[in-house]
Amino acid sequence: MTALEDLLAAHDTAIFERLRAHTYLKPVVFDGKVPNLPGGRPRNSYVNVHTSGRPFVRERRDARQMQVARTYTVHSVSVDPDEARALQGAVVAQLLNFRPDIPGRSAFRLSYESSLAIRPDESTDPWLWYTVDQFDLNTTPAKEAPHG
């Protein structure tokens, strides 16, 4: 991986580790692709996280500064609407105001940007109920400690 890919992966790792630190979420959090259960049966309860965003360089009067802005779109899904809400609640509890520790970066607290009310996916049998929440993470280079 390139240094930039490593930097972005460090951001994503911090978010996934935080979500999986919650006992209820640990076995059901996935990154974009949700694998079937053993035997090929589809999962009926899971949290699927999609990541987007990129680094950008902001020119300041005195220096260039690479900022990273990442968006995490989290789908909490279950055949039971109450369980989908419970998954959503656990996700929000883990990420709301979370400030990740990313080596070499100063991170702002995650901001809770939007939420989609629970709704059914009627294209599945049985129906899957889902909610969608979006969190944004912004980081800047960590300030160097004074020498001496």
Protein backbone atom coordinates (compact mmCIF):
# COMPACT_ATOMS: atom_id res chain seq x y z
CA MET A 1 0.00 0.00 0.00
CA THR A 2 1.05 3.57 -0.53
CA ALA A 3 1.49 6.00 2.34
CA LEU A 4 -1.82 7.62 1.41
CA GLU A 5 -3.63 4.27 1.38
CA ASP A 6 -2.08 3.48 4.77
CA LEU A 7 -3.29 6.82 6.12
CA LEU A 8 -6.86 6.23 4.96
CA ALA A 9 -6.77 2.63 6.23
CA ALA A 10 -5.71 3.89 9.68
CA HIS A 11 -8.82 6.06 9.80
CA ASP A 12 -11.06 3.17 8.80
CA THR A 13 -9.39 0.78 11.23
CA ALA A 14 -10.08 3.15 14.13
CA ILE A 15 -13.79 3.24 13.26
CA PHE A 16 -14.14 -0.53 12.78
CA GLU A 17 -12.25 -1.24 16.01
CA ARG A 18 -14.55 1.13 17.89
CA LEU A 19 -17.68 -0.52 16.48
CA ARG A 20 -16.38 -4.03 17.17
CA ALA A 21 -15.44 -3.08 20.74
CA HIS A 22 -19.18 -3.25 21.50
CA THR A 23 -20.05 -6.85 22.41
CA TYR A 24 -23.38 -6.76 20.55
CA LEU A 25 -21.80 -5.39 17.37
CA LYS A 26 -18.53 -7.35 17.30
CA PRO A 27 -19.75 -10.37 15.28
CA VAL A 28 -22.04 -8.45 12.92
CA VAL A 29 -20.00 -5.45 11.65
CA PHE A 30 -18.85 -5.69 8.02
CA ASP A 31 -16.98 -3.46 5.60
CA GLY A 32 -19.09 -3.11 2.46
CA LYS A 33 -19.69 -6.79 1.72
CA VAL A 34 -21.72 -8.99 4.03
CA PRO A 35 -20.70 -12.66 3.81
CA ASN A 36 -23.25 -15.44 4.07
CA LEU A 37 -23.43 -17.64 7.13
CA PRO A 38 -21.78 -21.08 7.05
CA GLY A 39 -23.80 -23.27 4.72
CA GLY A 40 -24.54 -20.35 2.41
CA ARG A 41 -27.54 -18.93 4.27
CA PRO A 42 -27.84 -15.13 4.08
CA ARG A 43 -27.41 -13.19 7.29
CA ASN A 44 -30.57 -11.78 8.80
CA SER A 45 -28.91 -9.29 11.14
CA TYR A 46 -25.83 -7.17 10.47
CA VAL A 47 -24.22 -3.74 10.34
CA ASN A 48 -22.69 -2.78 7.01
CA VAL A 49 -20.32 0.18 6.83
CA HIS A 50 -19.50 2.03 3.61
CA THR A 51 -16.60 4.47 3.60
CA SER A 52 -16.02 7.43 1.33
CA GLY A 53 -13.97 10.57 1.40
CA ARG A 54 -10.50 11.64 0.57
CA PRO A 55 -7.56 13.65 1.79
CA PHE A 56 -7.19 17.18 0.61
CA VAL A 57 -4.52 19.80 0.94
CA ARG A 58 -5.54 23.15 2.30
CA GLU A 59 -3.22 26.00 1.63
CA ARG A 60 -2.68 28.16 4.66
CA ARG A 61 -0.82 31.37 4.76
CA ASP A 62 2.07 29.81 6.60
CA ALA A 63 1.99 26.16 5.50
CA ARG A 64 0.33 23.39 3.54
CA GLN A 65 -1.82 21.09 5.58
CA MET A 66 -3.26 17.75 4.47
CA GLN A 67 -6.67 17.21 5.97
CA VAL A 68 -8.62 13.98 5.73
CA ALA A 69 -12.40 13.96 5.55
CA ARG A 70 -14.01 10.50 5.73
CA THR A 71 -17.71 9.70 5.68
CA TYR A 72 -19.01 6.48 7.21
CA THR A 73 -22.48 5.41 6.08
CA VAL A 74 -23.77 2.71 8.40
CA HIS A 75 -26.65 0.40 7.54
CA SER A 76 -28.17 -1.44 10.53
CA VAL A 77 -30.19 -4.35 9.15
CA SER A 78 -32.38 -7.12 10.58
CA VAL A 79 -35.46 -9.19 9.81
CA ASP A 80 -36.85 -7.75 13.05
CA PRO A 81 -37.44 -3.97 13.10
CA ASP A 82 -36.77 -3.77 16.84
CA GLU A 83 -33.41 -5.48 16.39
CA ALA A 84 -32.51 -3.13 13.52
CA ARG A 85 -33.22 -0.24 15.90
CA ALA A 86 -31.14 -1.92 18.63
CA LEU A 87 -28.21 -2.30 16.23
CA GLN A 88 -28.59 1.35 15.25
CA GLY A 89 -28.62 2.37 18.91
CA ALA A 90 -25.40 0.45 19.57
CA VAL A 91 -23.74 2.05 16.52
CA VAL A 92 -24.72 5.55 17.60
CA ALA A 93 -23.57 4.85 21.17
CA GLN A 94 -20.16 3.78 19.88
CA LEU A 95 -19.59 6.54 17.34
CA LEU A 96 -21.37 9.64 18.63
CA ASN A 97 -18.69 12.14 19.70
CA PHE A 98 -15.98 9.47 19.39
CA ARG A 99 -12.51 10.92 18.85
CA PRO A 100 -10.27 8.23 17.37
CA ASP A 101 -6.59 7.91 18.12
CA ILE A 102 -4.84 7.81 14.75
CA PRO A 103 -1.02 7.91 14.82
CA GLY A 104 0.36 11.17 13.46
CA ARG A 105 -3.09 12.77 13.22
CA SER A 106 -5.22 15.13 15.29
CA ALA A 107 -8.78 13.90 15.03
CA PHE A 108 -11.96 15.83 15.63
CA ARG A 109 -14.90 14.08 17.25
CA LEU A 110 -17.07 12.21 14.77
CA SER A 111 -20.07 14.26 13.78
CA TYR A 112 -23.45 12.63 13.39
CA GLU A 113 -24.58 14.01 10.05
CA SER A 114 -27.84 12.27 9.20
CA SER A 115 -30.18 9.41 9.93
CA LEU A 116 -32.78 7.62 7.86
CA ALA A 117 -35.85 6.31 9.69
CA ILE A 118 -36.33 2.57 9.73
CA ARG A 119 -37.91 1.13 6.61
CA PRO A 120 -38.43 -2.27 5.04
CA ASP A 121 -36.59 -3.69 2.06
CA GLU A 122 -39.54 -5.35 0.37
CA SER A 123 -37.34 -6.93 -2.30
CA THR A 124 -36.19 -9.57 0.18
CA ASP A 125 -38.07 -12.56 1.55
CA PRO A 126 -38.47 -12.22 4.43
CA TRP A 127 -38.34 -8.43 4.49
CA LEU A 128 -35.22 -6.87 5.96
CA TRP A 129 -35.67 -3.73 8.04
CA TYR A 130 -32.89 -1.17 7.91
CA THR A 131 -31.78 2.21 9.16
CA VAL A 132 -28.99 4.35 7.74
CA ASP A 133 -26.77 6.70 9.73
CA GLN A 134 -23.95 8.88 8.48
CA PHE A 135 -20.93 10.02 10.47
CA ASP A 136 -18.11 12.31 9.33
CA LEU A 137 -14.52 12.17 10.56
CA ASN A 138 -12.03 14.97 9.96
CA THR A 139 -8.35 14.89 10.86
CA THR A 140 -5.31 17.08 10.39
CA PRO A 141 -1.61 16.37 10.88
CA ALA A 142 -0.68 16.17 14.55
CA LYS A 143 1.27 19.13 15.83
CA GLU A 144 4.88 18.29 16.45
CA ALA A 145 6.12 18.57 19.99
CA PRO A 146 8.59 21.41 20.55
CA HIS A 147 12.21 20.32 20.26
CA GLY A 148 14.56 20.66 23.15
